[in-house]
């Protein structure tokens, strides 16, 4: 079994998160299978002679050699860093990066179909027979005053224009848009991340027509609803009394961190930074 793998924690297109949501588990499994060759021991010599291999994910992985003589894998050209590390049941090759199978792209589910509604006009008929006015496909008739229109009345083989009425209809249209937690034409993540927009302390204006602004719940404020609106309170629910009541201190919630994902800091001097992050405080 040949197992190409990254020599250090992944960065770049995968980002970094301490846990994997359920909807991402299948993509993670596909990613791992894409790095495994299970048709025998695959030394670097065999890899070069084959030129391309079929991975455990049933995906073809091509190999190229750069002008400098480096062995590159996949369309991204990920270089091999260490090769032919013998294991008890196979061979391990270390990659300087991660191979991304096309079946899991895009990694973040930011593009979704959005349901939009549009007011349209049905067929023009005699106003005395308005109930015969038909709506276009995927639309329902609205119970409002009809629209005046003109239709062809042909009682005796003559094309006569006659005033009539047409029903207003509410048409449902499915258009390419943004998934929940993403906004704008490029489907950018909402502040706080798509899995917890506005850090769960407000509602994000998401969707392709949204602007990403957070409408904060009571007790919170800031561009990501990350600050207690009451300067004398702190904590996850902004209900705990401030530890330092001096007027020179203002309470802040420090930005989310991999090292301390749930830690909050009270009594940070105004304009200072979180002491364990060394980032400017979010305003």
C-alpha atoms as a PDB file:
ATOM      1  CA  UNK A   1       0.000   0.000   0.000  1.00  0.00           C
ATOM      2  CA  UNK A   2       1.390   3.382  -0.969  1.00  0.00           C
ATOM      3  CA  UNK A   3       0.317   6.292   1.186  1.00  0.00           C
ATOM      4  CA  UNK A   4       1.388   9.762   0.064  1.00  0.00           C
ATOM      5  CA  UNK A   5       0.846  12.218   2.914  1.00  0.00           C
ATOM      6  CA  UNK A   6       1.651  15.782   3.985  1.00  0.00           C
ATOM      7  CA  UNK A   7       4.677  16.201   6.287  1.00  0.00           C
ATOM      8  CA  UNK A   8       2.987  18.930   8.360  1.00  0.00           C
ATOM      9  CA  UNK A   9      -0.543  20.090   9.273  1.00  0.00           C
ATOM     10  CA  UNK A  10      -2.485  21.171   6.181  1.00  0.00           C
ATOM     11  CA  UNK A  11      -2.830  24.839   5.319  1.00  0.00           C
ATOM     12  CA  UNK A  12      -4.026  26.747   2.297  1.00  0.00           C
ATOM     13  CA  UNK A  13      -7.255  25.716   0.560  1.00  0.00           C
ATOM     14  CA  UNK A  14      -8.414  23.485   3.378  1.00  0.00           C
ATOM     15  CA  UNK A  15      -8.051  26.160   6.056  1.00  0.00           C
ATOM     16  CA  UNK A  16      -7.964  25.023   9.672  1.00  0.00           C
ATOM     17  CA  UNK A  17     -10.777  23.933  11.972  1.00  0.00           C
ATOM     18  CA  UNK A  18     -10.666  21.790  15.113  1.00  0.00           C
ATOM     19  CA  UNK A  19     -13.622  19.631  14.101  1.00  0.00           C
ATOM     20  CA  UNK A  20     -15.268  18.238  10.969  1.00  0.00           C
ATOM     21  CA  UNK A  21     -18.998  18.914  10.460  1.00  0.00           C
ATOM     22  CA  UNK A  22     -21.157  15.956   9.480  1.00  0.00           C
ATOM     23  CA  UNK A  23     -21.756  17.288   5.970  1.00  0.00           C
ATOM     24  CA  UNK A  24     -17.981  17.429   5.401  1.00  0.00           C
ATOM     25  CA  UNK A  25     -17.247  13.865   6.529  1.00  0.00           C
ATOM     26  CA  UNK A  26     -17.776  12.304   3.096  1.00  0.00           C
ATOM     27  CA  UNK A  27     -15.432  14.852   1.537  1.00  0.00           C
ATOM     28  CA  UNK A  28     -12.793  14.101   4.158  1.00  0.00           C
ATOM     29  CA  UNK A  29     -13.077  10.358   3.476  1.00  0.00           C
ATOM     30  CA  UNK A  30     -12.747  10.967  -0.269  1.00  0.00           C
ATOM     31  CA  UNK A  31      -9.696  13.148   0.380  1.00  0.00           C
ATOM     32  CA  UNK A  32      -7.986  10.395   2.380  1.00  0.00           C
ATOM     33  CA  UNK A  33      -8.760   7.714  -0.244  1.00  0.00           C
ATOM     34  CA  UNK A  34      -7.299   9.982  -2.927  1.00  0.00           C
ATOM     35  CA  UNK A  35      -3.933   9.719  -1.136  1.00  0.00           C
ATOM     36  CA  UNK A  36      -3.927   5.898  -0.950  1.00  0.00           C
ATOM     37  CA  UNK A  37      -2.782   3.385  -3.592  1.00  0.00           C
ATOM     38  CA  UNK A  38      -4.022  -0.082  -2.607  1.00  0.00           C
ATOM     39  CA  UNK A  39      -2.867  -2.252  -5.521  1.00  0.00           C
ATOM     40  CA  UNK A  40       0.479  -3.270  -4.082  1.00  0.00           C
ATOM     41  CA  UNK A  41       3.610  -1.611  -2.775  1.00  0.00           C
ATOM     42  CA  UNK A  42       4.346   1.499  -4.810  1.00  0.00           C
ATOM     43  CA  UNK A  43       7.977   2.567  -4.632  1.00  0.00           C
ATOM     44  CA  UNK A  44       9.073   5.802  -6.246  1.00  0.00           C
ATOM     45  CA  UNK A  45      10.745   3.780  -9.014  1.00  0.00           C
ATOM     46  CA  UNK A  46       7.430   2.092  -9.861  1.00  0.00           C
ATOM     47  CA  UNK A  47       5.627   5.423  -9.633  1.00  0.00           C
ATOM     48  CA  UNK A  48       7.948   6.978 -12.210  1.00  0.00           C
ATOM     49  CA  UNK A  49       7.649   3.995 -14.541  1.00  0.00           C
ATOM     50  CA  UNK A  50       3.831   3.984 -14.346  1.00  0.00           C
ATOM     51  CA  UNK A  51       3.368   7.713 -14.868  1.00  0.00           C
ATOM     52  CA  UNK A  52      -0.198   7.557 -13.530  1.00  0.00           C
ATOM     53  CA  UNK A  53      -1.948   5.455 -10.883  1.00  0.00           C
ATOM     54  CA  UNK A  54      -5.517   4.636  -9.857  1.00  0.00           C
ATOM     55  CA  UNK A  55      -6.066   5.672  -6.245  1.00  0.00           C
ATOM     56  CA  UNK A  56      -8.353   4.116  -3.657  1.00  0.00           C
ATOM     57  CA  UNK A  57     -10.846   6.900  -4.485  1.00  0.00           C
ATOM     58  CA  UNK A  58     -11.078   5.436  -8.016  1.00  0.00           C
ATOM     59  CA  UNK A  59      -9.446   8.600  -9.366  1.00  0.00           C
ATOM     60  CA  UNK A  60      -6.497   8.700 -11.768  1.00  0.00           C
ATOM     61  CA  UNK A  61      -3.483  10.511 -10.319  1.00  0.00           C
ATOM     62  CA  UNK A  62      -0.853  11.635 -12.822  1.00  0.00           C
ATOM     63  CA  UNK A  63       2.861  12.118 -12.150  1.00  0.00           C
ATOM     64  CA  UNK A  64       5.213  14.621 -13.784  1.00  0.00           C
ATOM     65  CA  UNK A  65       8.850  15.544 -13.378  1.00  0.00           C
ATOM     66  CA  UNK A  66       9.832  19.209 -13.185  1.00  0.00           C
ATOM     67  CA  UNK A  67      12.806  20.798 -14.947  1.00  0.00           C
ATOM     68  CA  UNK A  68      14.657  20.623 -11.632  1.00  0.00           C
ATOM     69  CA  UNK A  69      13.986  16.871 -11.425  1.00  0.00           C
ATOM     70  CA  UNK A  70      11.323  17.051  -8.710  1.00  0.00           C
ATOM     71  CA  UNK A  71       8.493  14.501  -8.810  1.00  0.00           C
ATOM     72  CA  UNK A  72       5.132  16.268  -8.967  1.00  0.00           C
ATOM     73  CA  UNK A  73       1.731  14.659  -8.361  1.00  0.00           C
ATOM     74  CA  UNK A  74      -1.721  15.708  -9.527  1.00  0.00           C
ATOM     75  CA  UNK A  75      -2.866  18.713 -11.559  1.00  0.00           C
ATOM     76  CA  UNK A  76      -1.670  20.997  -8.739  1.00  0.00           C
ATOM     77  CA  UNK A  77       1.888  19.674  -9.136  1.00  0.00           C
ATOM     78  CA  UNK A  78       2.368  18.787  -5.453  1.00  0.00           C
ATOM     79  CA  UNK A  79       6.048  17.793  -4.988  1.00  0.00           C
ATOM     80  CA  UNK A  80       7.221  14.644  -3.248  1.00  0.00           C
ATOM     81  CA  UNK A  81       9.407  15.570  -0.284  1.00  0.00           C
ATOM     82  CA  UNK A  82      10.482  12.181   1.112  1.00  0.00           C
ATOM     83  CA  UNK A  83      10.065   8.843  -0.615  1.00  0.00           C
ATOM     84  CA  UNK A  84      10.170   5.089   0.017  1.00  0.00           C
ATOM     85  CA  UNK A  85       9.581   5.130   3.773  1.00  0.00           C
ATOM     86  CA  UNK A  86       8.986   1.460   4.501  1.00  0.00           C
ATOM     87  CA  UNK A  87       6.082   0.543   6.775  1.00  0.00           C
ATOM     88  CA  UNK A  88       4.851  -2.843   8.012  1.00  0.00           C
ATOM     89  CA  UNK A  89       2.278  -3.107   5.232  1.00  0.00           C
ATOM     90  CA  UNK A  90       3.377  -0.677   2.542  1.00  0.00           C
ATOM     91  CA  UNK A  91       5.418   2.313   1.462  1.00  0.00           C
ATOM     92  CA  UNK A  92       4.935   5.913   2.569  1.00  0.00           C
ATOM     93  CA  UNK A  93       5.778   8.964   0.465  1.00  0.00           C
ATOM     94  CA  UNK A  94       5.677  12.414   2.054  1.00  0.00           C
ATOM     95  CA  UNK A  95       4.147  15.268   0.056  1.00  0.00           C
ATOM     96  CA  UNK A  96       4.823  18.972   0.391  1.00  0.00           C
ATOM     97  CA  UNK A  97       1.117  19.771   0.192  1.00  0.00           C
ATOM     98  CA  UNK A  98      -2.278  18.126  -0.256  1.00  0.00           C
ATOM     99  CA  UNK A  99      -3.870  16.498  -3.294  1.00  0.00           C
ATOM    100  CA  UNK A 100      -7.430  17.671  -3.862  1.00  0.00           C
ATOM    101  CA  UNK A 101      -9.671  15.235  -5.772  1.00  0.00           C
ATOM    102  CA  UNK A 102     -11.985  17.011  -8.228  1.00  0.00           C
ATOM    103  CA  UNK A 103     -14.965  15.166  -6.726  1.00  0.00           C
ATOM    104  CA  UNK A 104     -14.847  17.234  -3.503  1.00  0.00           C
ATOM    105  CA  UNK A 105     -14.507  20.671  -5.114  1.00  0.00           C
ATOM    106  CA  UNK A 106     -15.571  23.201  -4.118  1.00  0.00           C
ATOM    107  CA  UNK A 107     -14.605  22.351  -0.555  1.00  0.00           C
ATOM    108  CA  UNK A 108     -16.893  24.953   1.003  1.00  0.00           C
ATOM    109  CA  UNK A 109     -20.557  24.594  -0.052  1.00  0.00           C
ATOM    110  CA  UNK A 110     -20.999  28.269  -0.851  1.00  0.00           C
ATOM    111  CA  UNK A 111     -23.058  28.066  -4.053  1.00  0.00           C
ATOM    112  CA  UNK A 112     -26.676  26.911  -3.751  1.00  0.00           C
ATOM    113  CA  UNK A 113     -29.891  27.412  -5.670  1.00  0.00           C
ATOM    114  CA  UNK A 114     -31.948  30.266  -4.260  1.00  0.00           C
ATOM    115  CA  UNK A 115     -35.728  30.452  -4.461  1.00  0.00           C
ATOM    116  CA  UNK A 116     -36.803  33.828  -5.807  1.00  0.00           C
ATOM    117  CA  UNK A 117     -40.289  35.185  -6.457  1.00  0.00           C
ATOM    118  CA  UNK A 118     -41.443  37.408  -9.291  1.00  0.00           C
ATOM    119  CA  UNK A 119     -44.844  38.973 -10.027  1.00  0.00           C
ATOM    120  CA  UNK A 120     -45.907  38.129 -13.603  1.00  0.00           C
ATOM    121  CA  UNK A 121     -49.089  38.517 -15.648  1.00  0.00           C
ATOM    122  CA  UNK A 122     -51.313  35.651 -16.775  1.00  0.00           C
ATOM    123  CA  UNK A 123     -53.165  35.301 -20.076  1.00  0.00           C
ATOM    124  CA  UNK A 124     -55.460  38.124 -21.197  1.00  0.00           C
ATOM    125  CA  UNK A 125     -59.153  37.114 -21.306  1.00  0.00           C
ATOM    126  CA  UNK A 126     -62.616  38.640 -21.175  1.00  0.00           C
ATOM    127  CA  UNK A 127     -63.035  40.403 -17.846  1.00  0.00           C
ATOM    128  CA  UNK A 128     -66.289  38.503 -17.265  1.00  0.00           C
ATOM    129  CA  UNK A 129     -64.349  35.249 -17.469  1.00  0.00           C
ATOM    130  CA  UNK A 130     -61.311  36.220 -15.399  1.00  0.00           C
ATOM    131  CA  UNK A 131     -61.174  32.773 -13.811  1.00  0.00           C
ATOM    132  CA  UNK A 132     -60.052  31.406 -17.196  1.00  0.00           C
ATOM    133  CA  UNK A 133     -56.877  33.537 -17.144  1.00  0.00           C
ATOM    134  CA  UNK A 134     -53.997  31.076 -16.802  1.00  0.00           C
ATOM    135  CA  UNK A 135     -50.700  31.717 -15.017  1.00  0.00           C
ATOM    136  CA  UNK A 136     -47.250  30.837 -16.421  1.00  0.00           C
ATOM    137  CA  UNK A 137     -45.412  27.700 -15.316  1.00  0.00           C
ATOM    138  CA  UNK A 138     -44.384  27.505 -11.628  1.00  0.00           C
ATOM    139  CA  UNK A 139     -46.678  30.339 -10.571  1.00  0.00           C
ATOM    140  CA  UNK A 140     -49.874  30.760  -8.577  1.00  0.00           C
ATOM    141  CA  UNK A 141     -52.714  33.238  -9.107  1.00  0.00           C
ATOM    142  CA  UNK A 142     -52.885  36.186  -6.714  1.00  0.00           C
ATOM    143  CA  UNK A 143     -56.207  37.331  -5.297  1.00  0.00           C
ATOM    144  CA  UNK A 144     -55.796  40.992  -6.262  1.00  0.00           C
ATOM    145  CA  UNK A 145     -57.342  43.304  -8.857  1.00  0.00           C
ATOM    146  CA  UNK A 146     -56.460  42.159 -12.398  1.00  0.00           C
ATOM    147  CA  UNK A 147     -54.360  44.037 -14.916  1.00  0.00           C
ATOM    148  CA  UNK A 148     -56.028  45.681 -17.892  1.00  0.00           C
ATOM    149  CA  UNK A 149     -54.896  44.244 -21.211  1.00  0.00           C
ATOM    150  CA  UNK A 150     -55.849  43.809 -24.859  1.00  0.00           C
ATOM    151  CA  UNK A 151     -56.576  40.476 -26.507  1.00  0.00           C
ATOM    152  CA  UNK A 152     -57.748  39.290 -29.942  1.00  0.00           C
ATOM    153  CA  UNK A 153     -61.480  38.622 -30.054  1.00  0.00           C
ATOM    154  CA  UNK A 154     -62.508  36.555 -33.092  1.00  0.00           C
ATOM    155  CA  UNK A 155     -66.242  35.754 -32.937  1.00  0.00           C
ATOM    156  CA  UNK A 156     -66.828  35.634 -36.704  1.00  0.00           C
ATOM    157  CA  UNK A 157     -63.442  35.050 -38.223  1.00  0.00           C
ATOM    158  CA  UNK A 158     -62.389  38.673 -37.754  1.00  0.00           C
ATOM    159  CA  UNK A 159     -59.371  39.636 -35.710  1.00  0.00           C
ATOM    160  CA  UNK A 160     -60.795  42.283 -33.407  1.00  0.00           C
ATOM    161  CA  UNK A 161     -58.807  43.807 -30.547  1.00  0.00           C
ATOM    162  CA  UNK A 162     -60.779  43.968 -27.336  1.00  0.00           C
ATOM    163  CA  UNK A 163     -60.005  45.196 -23.842  1.00  0.00           C
ATOM    164  CA  UNK A 164     -59.691  42.433 -21.294  1.00  0.00           C
ATOM    165  CA  UNK A 165     -58.246  41.458 -17.934  1.00  0.00           C
ATOM    166  CA  UNK A 166     -55.263  39.371 -16.861  1.00  0.00           C
ATOM    167  CA  UNK A 167     -54.575  37.846 -13.457  1.00  0.00           C
ATOM    168  CA  UNK A 168     -51.431  38.701 -11.517  1.00  0.00           C
ATOM    169  CA  UNK A 169     -49.369  35.621 -10.649  1.00  0.00           C
ATOM    170  CA  UNK A 170     -46.555  34.922  -8.186  1.00  0.00           C
ATOM    171  CA  UNK A 171     -43.895  32.945 -10.045  1.00  0.00           C
ATOM    172  CA  UNK A 172     -41.207  30.926  -8.255  1.00  0.00           C
ATOM    173  CA  UNK A 173     -37.797  30.957  -9.939  1.00  0.00           C
ATOM    174  CA  UNK A 174     -34.768  28.897  -8.890  1.00  0.00           C
ATOM    175  CA  UNK A 175     -31.538  30.797  -9.526  1.00  0.00           C
ATOM    176  CA  UNK A 176     -27.916  30.115  -8.686  1.00  0.00           C
ATOM    177  CA  UNK A 177     -27.219  31.831  -5.385  1.00  0.00           C
ATOM    178  CA  UNK A 178     -25.355  31.528  -2.110  1.00  0.00           C
ATOM    179  CA  UNK A 179     -25.777  28.920   0.603  1.00  0.00           C
ATOM    180  CA  UNK A 180     -26.715  29.937   4.136  1.00  0.00           C
ATOM    181  CA  UNK A 181     -23.840  31.784   5.779  1.00  0.00           C
ATOM    182  CA  UNK A 182     -22.498  33.232   2.494  1.00  0.00           C
ATOM    183  CA  UNK A 183     -23.338  36.539   0.835  1.00  0.00           C
ATOM    184  CA  UNK A 184     -22.790  38.715  -2.210  1.00  0.00           C
ATOM    185  CA  UNK A 185     -21.963  37.970  -5.865  1.00  0.00           C
ATOM    186  CA  UNK A 186     -18.850  35.991  -4.828  1.00  0.00           C
ATOM    187  CA  UNK A 187     -20.628  34.166  -1.965  1.00  0.00           C
ATOM    188  CA  UNK A 188     -18.220  35.400   0.707  1.00  0.00           C
ATOM    189  CA  UNK A 189     -18.458  33.936   4.221  1.00  0.00           C
ATOM    190  CA  UNK A 190     -20.412  35.934   6.769  1.00  0.00           C
ATOM    191  CA  UNK A 191     -18.473  37.399   9.723  1.00  0.00           C
ATOM    192  CA  UNK A 192     -17.850  34.614  12.214  1.00  0.00           C
ATOM    193  CA  UNK A 193     -17.767  31.925   9.505  1.00  0.00           C
ATOM    194  CA  UNK A 194     -20.516  30.195   7.543  1.00  0.00           C
ATOM    195  CA  UNK A 195     -21.128  27.521  10.197  1.00  0.00           C
ATOM    196  CA  UNK A 196     -21.833  30.129  12.901  1.00  0.00           C
ATOM    197  CA  UNK A 197     -22.586  33.478  11.235  1.00  0.00           C
ATOM    198  CA  UNK A 198     -22.125  36.483  13.521  1.00  0.00           C
ATOM    199  CA  UNK A 199     -20.760  33.984  16.089  1.00  0.00           C
ATOM    200  CA  UNK A 200     -24.343  32.907  16.763  1.00  0.00           C
ATOM    201  CA  UNK A 201     -25.077  36.289  18.376  1.00  0.00           C
ATOM    202  CA  UNK A 202     -27.022  37.774  15.467  1.00  0.00           C
ATOM    203  CA  UNK A 203     -28.405  37.251  11.975  1.00  0.00           C
ATOM    204  CA  UNK A 204     -26.266  37.723   8.881  1.00  0.00           C
ATOM    205  CA  UNK A 205     -27.628  39.347   5.738  1.00  0.00           C
ATOM    206  CA  UNK A 206     -26.722  36.355   3.575  1.00  0.00           C
ATOM    207  CA  UNK A 207     -27.714  35.259   0.088  1.00  0.00           C
ATOM    208  CA  UNK A 208     -26.536  36.620  -3.241  1.00  0.00           C
ATOM    209  CA  UNK A 209     -28.445  39.867  -2.589  1.00  0.00           C
ATOM    210  CA  UNK A 210     -27.121  40.178   0.979  1.00  0.00           C
ATOM    211  CA  UNK A 211     -24.343  42.478   2.159  1.00  0.00           C
ATOM    212  CA  UNK A 212     -22.959  40.355   5.002  1.00  0.00           C
ATOM    213  CA  UNK A 213     -24.019  42.794   7.722  1.00  0.00           C
ATOM    214  CA  UNK A 214     -24.773  41.308  11.141  1.00  0.00           C
ATOM    215  CA  UNK A 215     -28.011  42.298  12.862  1.00  0.00           C
ATOM    216  CA  UNK A 216     -27.015  41.644  16.463  1.00  0.00           C
ATOM    217  CA  UNK A 217     -29.245  40.236  19.178  1.00  0.00           C
ATOM    218  CA  UNK A 218     -29.794  42.334  22.318  1.00  0.00           C
ATOM    219  CA  UNK A 219     -26.696  42.504  24.577  1.00  0.00           C
ATOM    220  CA  UNK A 220     -24.275  42.293  21.602  1.00  0.00           C
ATOM    221  CA  UNK A 221     -22.762  44.721  19.118  1.00  0.00           C
ATOM    222  CA  UNK A 222     -19.879  45.016  16.646  1.00  0.00           C
ATOM    223  CA  UNK A 223     -19.405  44.000  13.011  1.00  0.00           C
ATOM    224  CA  UNK A 224     -19.580  40.338  14.057  1.00  0.00           C
ATOM    225  CA  UNK A 225     -21.717  40.721  17.213  1.00  0.00           C
ATOM    226  CA  UNK A 226     -18.589  39.845  19.168  1.00  0.00           C
ATOM    227  CA  UNK A 227     -18.764  42.667  21.744  1.00  0.00           C
ATOM    228  CA  UNK A 228     -21.005  43.008  24.786  1.00  0.00           C
ATOM    229  CA  UNK A 229     -23.166  46.103  24.309  1.00  0.00           C
ATOM    230  CA  UNK A 230     -23.009  46.756  28.056  1.00  0.00           C
ATOM    231  CA  UNK A 231     -19.385  47.745  28.853  1.00  0.00           C
ATOM    232  CA  UNK A 232     -19.830  46.496  32.422  1.00  0.00           C
ATOM    233  CA  UNK A 233     -20.657  42.943  31.339  1.00  0.00           C
ATOM    234  CA  UNK A 234     -18.666  40.107  29.786  1.00  0.00           C
ATOM    235  CA  UNK A 235     -18.877  36.370  29.182  1.00  0.00           C
ATOM    236  CA  UNK A 236     -20.491  34.256  26.488  1.00  0.00           C
ATOM    237  CA  UNK A 237     -23.964  35.561  27.358  1.00  0.00           C
ATOM    238  CA  UNK A 238     -22.722  39.049  28.341  1.00  0.00           C
ATOM    239  CA  UNK A 239     -24.243  38.567  31.791  1.00  0.00           C
ATOM    240  CA  UNK A 240     -21.131  38.430  33.996  1.00  0.00           C
ATOM    241  CA  UNK A 241     -20.014  41.535  35.876  1.00  0.00           C
ATOM    242  CA  UNK A 242     -16.780  43.174  34.773  1.00  0.00           C
ATOM    243  CA  UNK A 243     -13.717  42.268  36.829  1.00  0.00           C
ATOM    244  CA  UNK A 244     -12.109  45.695  36.449  1.00  0.00           C
ATOM    245  CA  UNK A 245     -14.654  48.508  36.907  1.00  0.00           C
ATOM    246  CA  UNK A 246     -12.201  51.326  36.170  1.00  0.00           C
ATOM    247  CA  UNK A 247     -13.396  53.745  33.484  1.00  0.00           C
ATOM    248  CA  UNK A 248     -10.086  53.279  31.667  1.00  0.00           C
ATOM    249  CA  UNK A 249     -11.008  49.677  30.887  1.00  0.00           C
ATOM    250  CA  UNK A 250     -13.486  48.447  28.294  1.00  0.00           C
ATOM    251  CA  UNK A 251     -14.668  44.854  27.930  1.00  0.00           C
ATOM    252  CA  UNK A 252     -13.904  42.929  24.766  1.00  0.00           C
ATOM    253  CA  UNK A 253     -14.346  39.376  23.510  1.00  0.00           C
ATOM    254  CA  UNK A 254     -11.058  38.274  21.984  1.00  0.00           C
ATOM    255  CA  UNK A 255     -11.222  36.840  18.417  1.00  0.00           C
ATOM    256  CA  UNK A 256     -11.707  33.090  17.993  1.00  0.00           C
ATOM    257  CA  UNK A 257      -8.475  31.117  18.292  1.00  0.00           C
ATOM    258  CA  UNK A 258      -7.472  27.522  17.595  1.00  0.00           C
ATOM    259  CA  UNK A 259      -5.476  27.462  20.819  1.00  0.00           C
ATOM    260  CA  UNK A 260      -8.266  28.748  23.039  1.00  0.00           C
ATOM    261  CA  UNK A 261     -11.503  28.546  21.036  1.00  0.00           C
ATOM    262  CA  UNK A 262     -13.815  29.357  23.931  1.00  0.00           C
ATOM    263  CA  UNK A 263     -11.705  31.766  25.978  1.00  0.00           C
ATOM    264  CA  UNK A 264     -12.968  35.300  26.520  1.00  0.00           C
ATOM    265  CA  UNK A 265     -11.118  38.176  28.069  1.00  0.00           C
ATOM    266  CA  UNK A 266     -12.521  40.876  30.329  1.00  0.00           C
ATOM    267  CA  UNK A 267     -10.848  44.073  31.439  1.00  0.00           C
ATOM    268  CA  UNK A 268      -8.613  44.608  28.413  1.00  0.00           C
ATOM    269  CA  UNK A 269      -7.473  48.272  28.306  1.00  0.00           C
ATOM    270  CA  UNK A 270      -9.086  50.277  25.508  1.00  0.00           C
ATOM    271  CA  UNK A 271      -7.039  50.061  22.316  1.00  0.00           C
ATOM    272  CA  UNK A 272      -4.923  47.144  23.572  1.00  0.00           C
ATOM    273  CA  UNK A 273      -4.693  43.669  22.059  1.00  0.00           C
ATOM    274  CA  UNK A 274      -5.577  40.223  23.357  1.00  0.00           C
ATOM    275  CA  UNK A 275      -2.430  39.195  25.272  1.00  0.00           C
ATOM    276  CA  UNK A 276      -2.496  35.609  23.973  1.00  0.00           C
ATOM    277  CA  UNK A 277      -3.160  36.482  20.318  1.00  0.00           C
ATOM    278  CA  UNK A 278      -1.305  39.739  19.658  1.00  0.00           C
ATOM    279  CA  UNK A 279      -4.033  40.738  17.184  1.00  0.00           C
ATOM    280  CA  UNK A 280      -5.747  44.153  17.166  1.00  0.00           C
ATOM    281  CA  UNK A 281      -9.082  43.883  18.926  1.00  0.00           C
ATOM    282  CA  UNK A 282     -12.136  43.766  16.686  1.00  0.00           C
ATOM    283  CA  UNK A 283     -14.190  46.951  16.962  1.00  0.00           C
END
